[in-house]
Amino acid sequence: MGLRLDQIVPWGRSLSEYVQMFDFTEADLQKNILDCGSGPASFNAEMTQLQHTVISCDPIYQFSTQQIQQRIDETYDVIVTKVKATQENFVWTNFRSPEDMAQSRMTSMRKFLDDFDSGLQQNRYRTDELPNLPFEDQQFNLALCSHLLFLYSDQLDLEFHLASILEMCRVAPEVRIFPLLLNMTGETSPFVEPVMQTLKEQGYQVNLRQVHYEFQRGGNQMLEIKTS
């Protein structure tokens, strides 16, 4: 069965947030980057404006700009209501309030929507999805995954996590994943430790790195994996 848009809650983040979440240096921004599970983030649009190179992958890209916009409109208030109901689970330093956070997200998603059609034509937005990517070995310098792996551990099992991360390691010598918490909670995913152990046993360099970004309370770490 194909992906249904009504199964998706689109939510996009900005280049500024990516820089903080993934602890980017100026040198990192110059790399050939693959962003997996990108959704309607403005990362690709903003990086392209700066003449950097990013390929974004997400099955949501099979839908039209109008369809994605409609789904954003349908789910926007639902997300804001959930965040308001659980404000104690979040750190309100980057954003003043749930409404401020939501407006920031909407600004990012509008930038994505404005860029989407041209990005499709330029093959910057692709419908490929984890754990099977069509790219060559080590085609990219850096592979990212934001707010998919670990966040949805209740829906994506340990096997999926391992297969997805190993596939990202196949196409890039360095992989960064953020956050490591379960969605809308302060709990670390139960898959973090077994994933790290398995990767270490297979010879990968695995590190937990603290980053200068914390919105979900306790969610200020990313997982960094490098090939030996």
C-alpha atoms as a PDB file:
ATOM      1  CA  MET A   1       0.000   0.000   0.000  1.00  0.00           C
ATOM      2  CA  GLY A   2       1.327   3.446  -0.914  1.00  0.00           C
ATOM      3  CA  LEU A   3       1.897   6.290   1.485  1.00  0.00           C
ATOM      4  CA  ARG A   4      -1.217   8.275   2.390  1.00  0.00           C
ATOM      5  CA  LEU A   5      -0.861  11.964   3.070  1.00  0.00           C
ATOM      6  CA  ASP A   6      -3.353  11.794   5.933  1.00  0.00           C
ATOM      7  CA  GLN A   7      -0.840   9.576   7.779  1.00  0.00           C
ATOM      8  CA  ILE A   8       1.740  12.384   7.813  1.00  0.00           C
ATOM      9  CA  VAL A   9       2.124  15.314  10.187  1.00  0.00           C
ATOM     10  CA  PRO A  10       4.443  17.678   8.256  1.00  0.00           C
ATOM     11  CA  TRP A  11       6.630  19.943  10.376  1.00  0.00           C
ATOM     12  CA  GLY A  12       9.672  21.787   9.024  1.00  0.00           C
ATOM     13  CA  ARG A  13      12.782  23.312  10.556  1.00  0.00           C
ATOM     14  CA  SER A  14      15.130  26.020   9.365  1.00  0.00           C
ATOM     15  CA  LEU A  15      18.784  26.131   8.363  1.00  0.00           C
ATOM     16  CA  SER A  16      19.517  27.917  11.636  1.00  0.00           C
ATOM     17  CA  GLU A  17      18.017  25.038  13.590  1.00  0.00           C
ATOM     18  CA  TYR A  18      19.899  22.473  11.514  1.00  0.00           C
ATOM     19  CA  VAL A  19      23.162  24.288  12.260  1.00  0.00           C
ATOM     20  CA  GLN A  20      22.434  24.018  15.984  1.00  0.00           C
ATOM     21  CA  MET A  21      20.951  20.499  15.964  1.00  0.00           C
ATOM     22  CA  PHE A  22      23.848  19.019  14.003  1.00  0.00           C
ATOM     23  CA  ASP A  23      26.598  21.269  15.367  1.00  0.00           C
ATOM     24  CA  PHE A  24      27.611  22.382  11.874  1.00  0.00           C
ATOM     25  CA  THR A  25      30.862  24.191  11.235  1.00  0.00           C
ATOM     26  CA  GLU A  26      31.439  26.337   8.169  1.00  0.00           C
ATOM     27  CA  ALA A  27      33.386  23.401   6.731  1.00  0.00           C
ATOM     28  CA  ASP A  28      30.392  21.103   7.268  1.00  0.00           C
ATOM     29  CA  LEU A  29      28.177  23.426   5.242  1.00  0.00           C
ATOM     30  CA  GLN A  30      30.539  23.074   2.280  1.00  0.00           C
ATOM     31  CA  LYS A  31      30.069  19.290   2.180  1.00  0.00           C
ATOM     32  CA  ASN A  32      27.897  17.295  -0.190  1.00  0.00           C
ATOM     33  CA  ILE A  33      24.977  16.537   2.156  1.00  0.00           C
ATOM     34  CA  LEU A  34      22.154  13.993   2.082  1.00  0.00           C
ATOM     35  CA  ASP A  35      19.183  14.791   4.332  1.00  0.00           C
ATOM     36  CA  CYS A  36      16.964  11.755   4.993  1.00  0.00           C
ATOM     37  CA  GLY A  37      13.357  12.120   6.094  1.00  0.00           C
ATOM     38  CA  SER A  38      13.558  15.845   5.455  1.00  0.00           C
ATOM     39  CA  GLY A  39       9.858  16.667   5.285  1.00  0.00           C
ATOM     40  CA  PRO A  40       8.970  20.321   4.641  1.00  0.00           C
ATOM     41  CA  ALA A  41      12.154  21.746   6.207  1.00  0.00           C
ATOM     42  CA  SER A  42      13.633  24.858   4.608  1.00  0.00           C
ATOM     43  CA  PHE A  43      17.173  23.472   5.011  1.00  0.00           C
ATOM     44  CA  ASN A  44      17.526  22.562   1.334  1.00  0.00           C
ATOM     45  CA  ALA A  45      15.997  25.813   0.099  1.00  0.00           C
ATOM     46  CA  GLU A  46      18.196  27.976   2.314  1.00  0.00           C
ATOM     47  CA  MET A  47      21.355  25.974   1.583  1.00  0.00           C
ATOM     48  CA  THR A  48      20.676  26.175  -2.161  1.00  0.00           C
ATOM     49  CA  GLN A  49      20.342  29.963  -1.905  1.00  0.00           C
ATOM     50  CA  LEU A  50      23.802  29.961  -0.326  1.00  0.00           C
ATOM     51  CA  GLN A  51      25.065  27.796  -3.225  1.00  0.00           C
ATOM     52  CA  HIS A  52      25.632  24.743  -1.038  1.00  0.00           C
ATOM     53  CA  THR A  53      24.784  21.176  -2.080  1.00  0.00           C
ATOM     54  CA  VAL A  54      21.960  19.203  -0.440  1.00  0.00           C
ATOM     55  CA  ILE A  55      19.790  16.321  -1.611  1.00  0.00           C
ATOM     56  CA  SER A  56      16.634  15.842   0.490  1.00  0.00           C
ATOM     57  CA  CYS A  57      14.775  12.518   0.561  1.00  0.00           C
ATOM     58  CA  ASP A  58      11.260  11.916   1.818  1.00  0.00           C
ATOM     59  CA  PRO A  59       8.269   9.963   0.463  1.00  0.00           C
ATOM     60  CA  ILE A  60       6.125  13.041   1.123  1.00  0.00           C
ATOM     61  CA  TYR A  61       7.691  14.538  -2.000  1.00  0.00           C
ATOM     62  CA  GLN A  62       5.436  12.354  -4.160  1.00  0.00           C
ATOM     63  CA  PHE A  63       2.645  14.800  -3.367  1.00  0.00           C
ATOM     64  CA  SER A  64       2.129  18.195  -4.969  1.00  0.00           C
ATOM     65  CA  THR A  65       2.919  21.558  -3.391  1.00  0.00           C
ATOM     66  CA  GLN A  66      -0.810  22.179  -2.989  1.00  0.00           C
ATOM     67  CA  GLN A  67      -1.405  18.812  -1.338  1.00  0.00           C
ATOM     68  CA  ILE A  68       1.449  19.295   1.141  1.00  0.00           C
ATOM     69  CA  GLN A  69       0.259  22.842   1.882  1.00  0.00           C
ATOM     70  CA  GLN A  70      -3.238  21.531   2.581  1.00  0.00           C
ATOM     71  CA  ARG A  71      -1.910  18.873   4.956  1.00  0.00           C
ATOM     72  CA  ILE A  72       0.199  21.481   6.788  1.00  0.00           C
ATOM     73  CA  ASP A  73      -2.929  23.608   7.218  1.00  0.00           C
ATOM     74  CA  GLU A  74      -4.919  20.606   8.486  1.00  0.00           C
ATOM     75  CA  THR A  75      -2.383  19.615  11.144  1.00  0.00           C
ATOM     76  CA  TYR A  76      -0.918  22.963  12.211  1.00  0.00           C
ATOM     77  CA  ASP A  77      -3.406  23.720  15.003  1.00  0.00           C
ATOM     78  CA  VAL A  78      -3.304  20.106  16.204  1.00  0.00           C
ATOM     79  CA  ILE A  79       0.448  20.303  16.776  1.00  0.00           C
ATOM     80  CA  VAL A  80       0.225  23.668  18.532  1.00  0.00           C
ATOM     81  CA  THR A  81      -2.492  22.325  20.834  1.00  0.00           C
ATOM     82  CA  LYS A  82      -0.349  19.279  21.742  1.00  0.00           C
ATOM     83  CA  VAL A  83       2.676  21.453  22.500  1.00  0.00           C
ATOM     84  CA  LYS A  84       0.573  23.800  24.658  1.00  0.00           C
ATOM     85  CA  ALA A  85      -0.737  20.818  26.625  1.00  0.00           C
ATOM     86  CA  THR A  86       2.802  19.585  27.340  1.00  0.00           C
ATOM     87  CA  GLN A  87       4.752  22.853  27.650  1.00  0.00           C
ATOM     88  CA  GLU A  88       6.713  21.496  30.597  1.00  0.00           C
ATOM     89  CA  ASN A  89       8.403  18.998  28.244  1.00  0.00           C
ATOM     90  CA  PHE A  90      10.036  21.802  26.271  1.00  0.00           C
ATOM     91  CA  VAL A  91      12.737  24.421  26.844  1.00  0.00           C
ATOM     92  CA  TRP A  92      11.523  27.910  25.980  1.00  0.00           C
ATOM     93  CA  THR A  93      14.755  29.696  25.131  1.00  0.00           C
ATOM     94  CA  ASN A  94      14.822  29.626  21.326  1.00  0.00           C
ATOM     95  CA  PHE A  95      11.094  30.332  21.245  1.00  0.00           C
ATOM     96  CA  ARG A  96       9.022  32.576  23.514  1.00  0.00           C
ATOM     97  CA  SER A  97       5.857  30.477  23.371  1.00  0.00           C
ATOM     98  CA  PRO A  98       4.122  27.653  21.485  1.00  0.00           C
ATOM     99  CA  GLU A  99       2.679  30.249  19.130  1.00  0.00           C
ATOM    100  CA  ASP A 100       6.124  31.723  18.468  1.00  0.00           C
ATOM    101  CA  MET A 101       7.518  28.255  17.790  1.00  0.00           C
ATOM    102  CA  ALA A 102       4.667  27.448  15.431  1.00  0.00           C
ATOM    103  CA  GLN A 103       5.120  30.688  13.490  1.00  0.00           C
ATOM    104  CA  SER A 104       8.827  29.924  13.102  1.00  0.00           C
ATOM    105  CA  ARG A 105       7.992  26.472  11.782  1.00  0.00           C
ATOM    106  CA  MET A 106       5.419  27.916   9.381  1.00  0.00           C
ATOM    107  CA  THR A 107       7.984  30.390   8.040  1.00  0.00           C
ATOM    108  CA  SER A 108      10.340  27.480   7.345  1.00  0.00           C
ATOM    109  CA  MET A 109       7.606  25.446   5.686  1.00  0.00           C
ATOM    110  CA  ARG A 110       6.601  28.345   3.454  1.00  0.00           C
ATOM    111  CA  LYS A 111      10.212  28.644   2.286  1.00  0.00           C
ATOM    112  CA  PHE A 112      10.129  24.935   1.495  1.00  0.00           C
ATOM    113  CA  LEU A 113       6.838  25.214  -0.399  1.00  0.00           C
ATOM    114  CA  ASP A 114       8.139  28.159  -2.439  1.00  0.00           C
ATOM    115  CA  ASP A 115      11.221  26.121  -3.389  1.00  0.00           C
ATOM    116  CA  PHE A 116       9.613  22.711  -3.832  1.00  0.00           C
ATOM    117  CA  ASP A 117       8.675  22.738  -7.522  1.00  0.00           C
ATOM    118  CA  SER A 118      12.051  24.056  -8.682  1.00  0.00           C
ATOM    119  CA  GLY A 119      13.806  21.673  -6.281  1.00  0.00           C
ATOM    120  CA  LEU A 120      11.946  18.719  -7.800  1.00  0.00           C
ATOM    121  CA  GLN A 121      12.996  19.790 -11.301  1.00  0.00           C
ATOM    122  CA  GLN A 122      16.613  20.085 -10.120  1.00  0.00           C
ATOM    123  CA  ASN A 123      16.422  16.669  -8.429  1.00  0.00           C
ATOM    124  CA  ARG A 124      17.176  18.212  -5.014  1.00  0.00           C
ATOM    125  CA  TYR A 125      13.965  16.731  -3.580  1.00  0.00           C
ATOM    126  CA  ARG A 126      13.580  12.984  -4.055  1.00  0.00           C
ATOM    127  CA  THR A 127      10.962  10.472  -2.937  1.00  0.00           C
ATOM    128  CA  ASP A 128      13.588   7.890  -1.869  1.00  0.00           C
ATOM    129  CA  GLU A 129      13.236   6.625   1.684  1.00  0.00           C
ATOM    130  CA  LEU A 130      15.096   4.683   4.318  1.00  0.00           C
ATOM    131  CA  PRO A 131      16.224   1.967   4.672  1.00  0.00           C
ATOM    132  CA  ASN A 132      16.875   1.590   0.915  1.00  0.00           C
ATOM    133  CA  LEU A 133      18.611   4.443  -0.879  1.00  0.00           C
ATOM    134  CA  PRO A 134      19.483   4.429  -4.609  1.00  0.00           C
ATOM    135  CA  PHE A 135      22.794   6.259  -4.218  1.00  0.00           C
ATOM    136  CA  GLU A 136      26.317   5.023  -4.843  1.00  0.00           C
ATOM    137  CA  ASP A 137      28.656   4.004  -2.029  1.00  0.00           C
ATOM    138  CA  GLN A 138      30.141   7.094  -0.349  1.00  0.00           C
ATOM    139  CA  GLN A 139      28.376   9.402  -2.807  1.00  0.00           C
ATOM    140  CA  PHE A 140      27.948  12.039  -0.088  1.00  0.00           C
ATOM    141  CA  ASN A 141      30.284  13.526   2.501  1.00  0.00           C
ATOM    142  CA  LEU A 142      27.636  13.678   5.227  1.00  0.00           C
ATOM    143  CA  ALA A 143      24.222  12.067   5.776  1.00  0.00           C
ATOM    144  CA  LEU A 144      21.682  13.517   8.201  1.00  0.00           C
ATOM    145  CA  CYS A 145      18.433  12.376   9.742  1.00  0.00           C
ATOM    146  CA  SER A 146      16.349  14.869  11.705  1.00  0.00           C
ATOM    147  CA  HIS A 147      13.279  13.983  13.761  1.00  0.00           C
ATOM    148  CA  LEU A 148      12.605  10.539  12.311  1.00  0.00           C
ATOM    149  CA  LEU A 149      14.938   7.851  13.642  1.00  0.00           C
ATOM    150  CA  PHE A 150      14.639   7.324  17.412  1.00  0.00           C
ATOM    151  CA  LEU A 151      11.839   9.922  17.632  1.00  0.00           C
ATOM    152  CA  TYR A 152       9.329   7.402  16.282  1.00  0.00           C
ATOM    153  CA  SER A 153      10.633   4.287  18.005  1.00  0.00           C
ATOM    154  CA  ASP A 154       7.052   3.308  18.804  1.00  0.00           C
ATOM    155  CA  GLN A 155       6.354   2.991  15.071  1.00  0.00           C
ATOM    156  CA  LEU A 156       9.752   2.052  13.593  1.00  0.00           C
ATOM    157  CA  ASP A 157      11.379  -1.042  15.116  1.00  0.00           C
ATOM    158  CA  LEU A 158      15.003  -1.690  16.020  1.00  0.00           C
ATOM    159  CA  GLU A 159      15.615  -3.599  12.784  1.00  0.00           C
ATOM    160  CA  PHE A 160      14.462  -0.584  10.769  1.00  0.00           C
ATOM    161  CA  HIS A 161      16.755   1.716  12.748  1.00  0.00           C
ATOM    162  CA  LEU A 162      19.808  -0.472  12.215  1.00  0.00           C
ATOM    163  CA  ALA A 163      19.094  -1.027   8.522  1.00  0.00           C
ATOM    164  CA  SER A 164      18.527   2.698   7.970  1.00  0.00           C
ATOM    165  CA  ILE A 165      21.681   3.793   9.768  1.00  0.00           C
ATOM    166  CA  LEU A 166      23.831   1.213   8.018  1.00  0.00           C
ATOM    167  CA  GLU A 167      22.417   2.376   4.691  1.00  0.00           C
ATOM    168  CA  MET A 168      23.275   5.982   5.545  1.00  0.00           C
ATOM    169  CA  CYS A 169      26.781   4.819   6.460  1.00  0.00           C
ATOM    170  CA  ARG A 170      27.027   3.152   3.065  1.00  0.00           C
ATOM    171  CA  VAL A 171      26.358   6.379   1.152  1.00  0.00           C
ATOM    172  CA  ALA A 172      28.378   8.714   3.411  1.00  0.00           C
ATOM    173  CA  PRO A 173      31.436   8.337   5.665  1.00  0.00           C
ATOM    174  CA  GLU A 174      29.769  10.398   8.390  1.00  0.00           C
ATOM    175  CA  VAL A 175      26.198  10.211   9.712  1.00  0.00           C
ATOM    176  CA  ARG A 176      24.486  12.504  12.215  1.00  0.00           C
ATOM    177  CA  ILE A 177      21.089  11.824  13.805  1.00  0.00           C
ATOM    178  CA  PHE A 178      19.042  14.175  16.010  1.00  0.00           C
ATOM    179  CA  PRO A 179      17.245  13.958  18.427  1.00  0.00           C
ATOM    180  CA  LEU A 180      17.551  10.749  20.429  1.00  0.00           C
ATOM    181  CA  LEU A 181      14.310  11.186  22.387  1.00  0.00           C
ATOM    182  CA  LEU A 182      10.887   9.677  21.887  1.00  0.00           C
ATOM    183  CA  ASN A 183       8.340  12.030  20.382  1.00  0.00           C
ATOM    184  CA  MET A 184       6.679  14.496  22.806  1.00  0.00           C
ATOM    185  CA  THR A 185       8.405  12.952  25.845  1.00  0.00           C
ATOM    186  CA  GLY A 186      11.633  13.444  27.720  1.00  0.00           C
ATOM    187  CA  GLU A 187      12.579   9.786  27.408  1.00  0.00           C
ATOM    188  CA  THR A 188      15.587   8.563  25.454  1.00  0.00           C
ATOM    189  CA  SER A 189      14.677   6.010  22.803  1.00  0.00           C
ATOM    190  CA  PRO A 190      15.275   2.429  24.006  1.00  0.00           C
ATOM    191  CA  PHE A 191      17.014   1.791  20.666  1.00  0.00           C
ATOM    192  CA  VAL A 192      19.931   4.185  21.237  1.00  0.00           C
ATOM    193  CA  GLU A 193      22.075   1.815  23.292  1.00  0.00           C
ATOM    194  CA  PRO A 194      21.573  -1.350  21.199  1.00  0.00           C
ATOM    195  CA  VAL A 195      22.144   0.632  17.988  1.00  0.00           C
ATOM    196  CA  MET A 196      25.379   2.087  19.343  1.00  0.00           C
ATOM    197  CA  GLN A 197      26.583  -1.312  20.542  1.00  0.00           C
ATOM    198  CA  THR A 198      25.863  -3.014  17.222  1.00  0.00           C
ATOM    199  CA  LEU A 199      27.584  -0.264  15.237  1.00  0.00           C
ATOM    200  CA  LYS A 200      30.669  -0.404  17.467  1.00  0.00           C
ATOM    201  CA  GLU A 201      30.814  -4.187  17.048  1.00  0.00           C
ATOM    202  CA  GLN A 202      30.780  -3.650  13.283  1.00  0.00           C
ATOM    203  CA  GLY A 203      33.757  -1.306  13.477  1.00  0.00           C
ATOM    204  CA  TYR A 204      32.145   2.110  13.284  1.00  0.00           C
ATOM    205  CA  GLN A 205      33.254   5.065  15.390  1.00  0.00           C
ATOM    206  CA  VAL A 206      30.189   6.037  17.417  1.00  0.00           C
ATOM    207  CA  ASN A 207      29.839   9.148  19.579  1.00  0.00           C
ATOM    208  CA  LEU A 208      27.130  10.955  21.482  1.00  0.00           C
ATOM    209  CA  ARG A 209      27.722  14.667  20.982  1.00  0.00           C
ATOM    210  CA  GLN A 210      26.092  17.428  22.982  1.00  0.00           C
ATOM    211  CA  VAL A 211      24.807  20.237  20.788  1.00  0.00           C
ATOM    212  CA  HIS A 212      23.776  23.855  21.329  1.00  0.00           C
ATOM    213  CA  TYR A 213      20.117  23.136  20.753  1.00  0.00           C
ATOM    214  CA  GLU A 214      17.470  21.943  23.145  1.00  0.00           C
ATOM    215  CA  PHE A 215      13.757  22.251  22.492  1.00  0.00           C
ATOM    216  CA  GLN A 216      12.482  18.910  23.758  1.00  0.00           C
ATOM    217  CA  ARG A 217      13.729  18.953  27.337  1.00  0.00           C
ATOM    218  CA  GLY A 218      16.797  16.715  27.548  1.00  0.00           C
ATOM    219  CA  GLY A 219      17.066  16.534  23.758  1.00  0.00           C
ATOM    220  CA  ASN A 220      20.455  18.162  23.301  1.00  0.00           C
ATOM    221  CA  GLN A 221      22.447  15.216  21.998  1.00  0.00           C
ATOM    222  CA  MET A 222      23.033  13.859  18.524  1.00  0.00           C
ATOM    223  CA  LEU A 223      24.409  10.502  17.467  1.00  0.00           C
ATOM    224  CA  GLU A 224      27.483  10.736  15.254  1.00  0.00           C
ATOM    225  CA  ILE A 225      28.729   7.705  13.323  1.00  0.00           C
ATOM    226  CA  LYS A 226      31.897   7.581  11.241  1.00  0.00           C
ATOM    227  CA  THR A 227      33.459   4.835   9.178  1.00  0.00           C
ATOM    228  CA  SER A 228      36.810   3.747  10.593  1.00  0.00           C
END
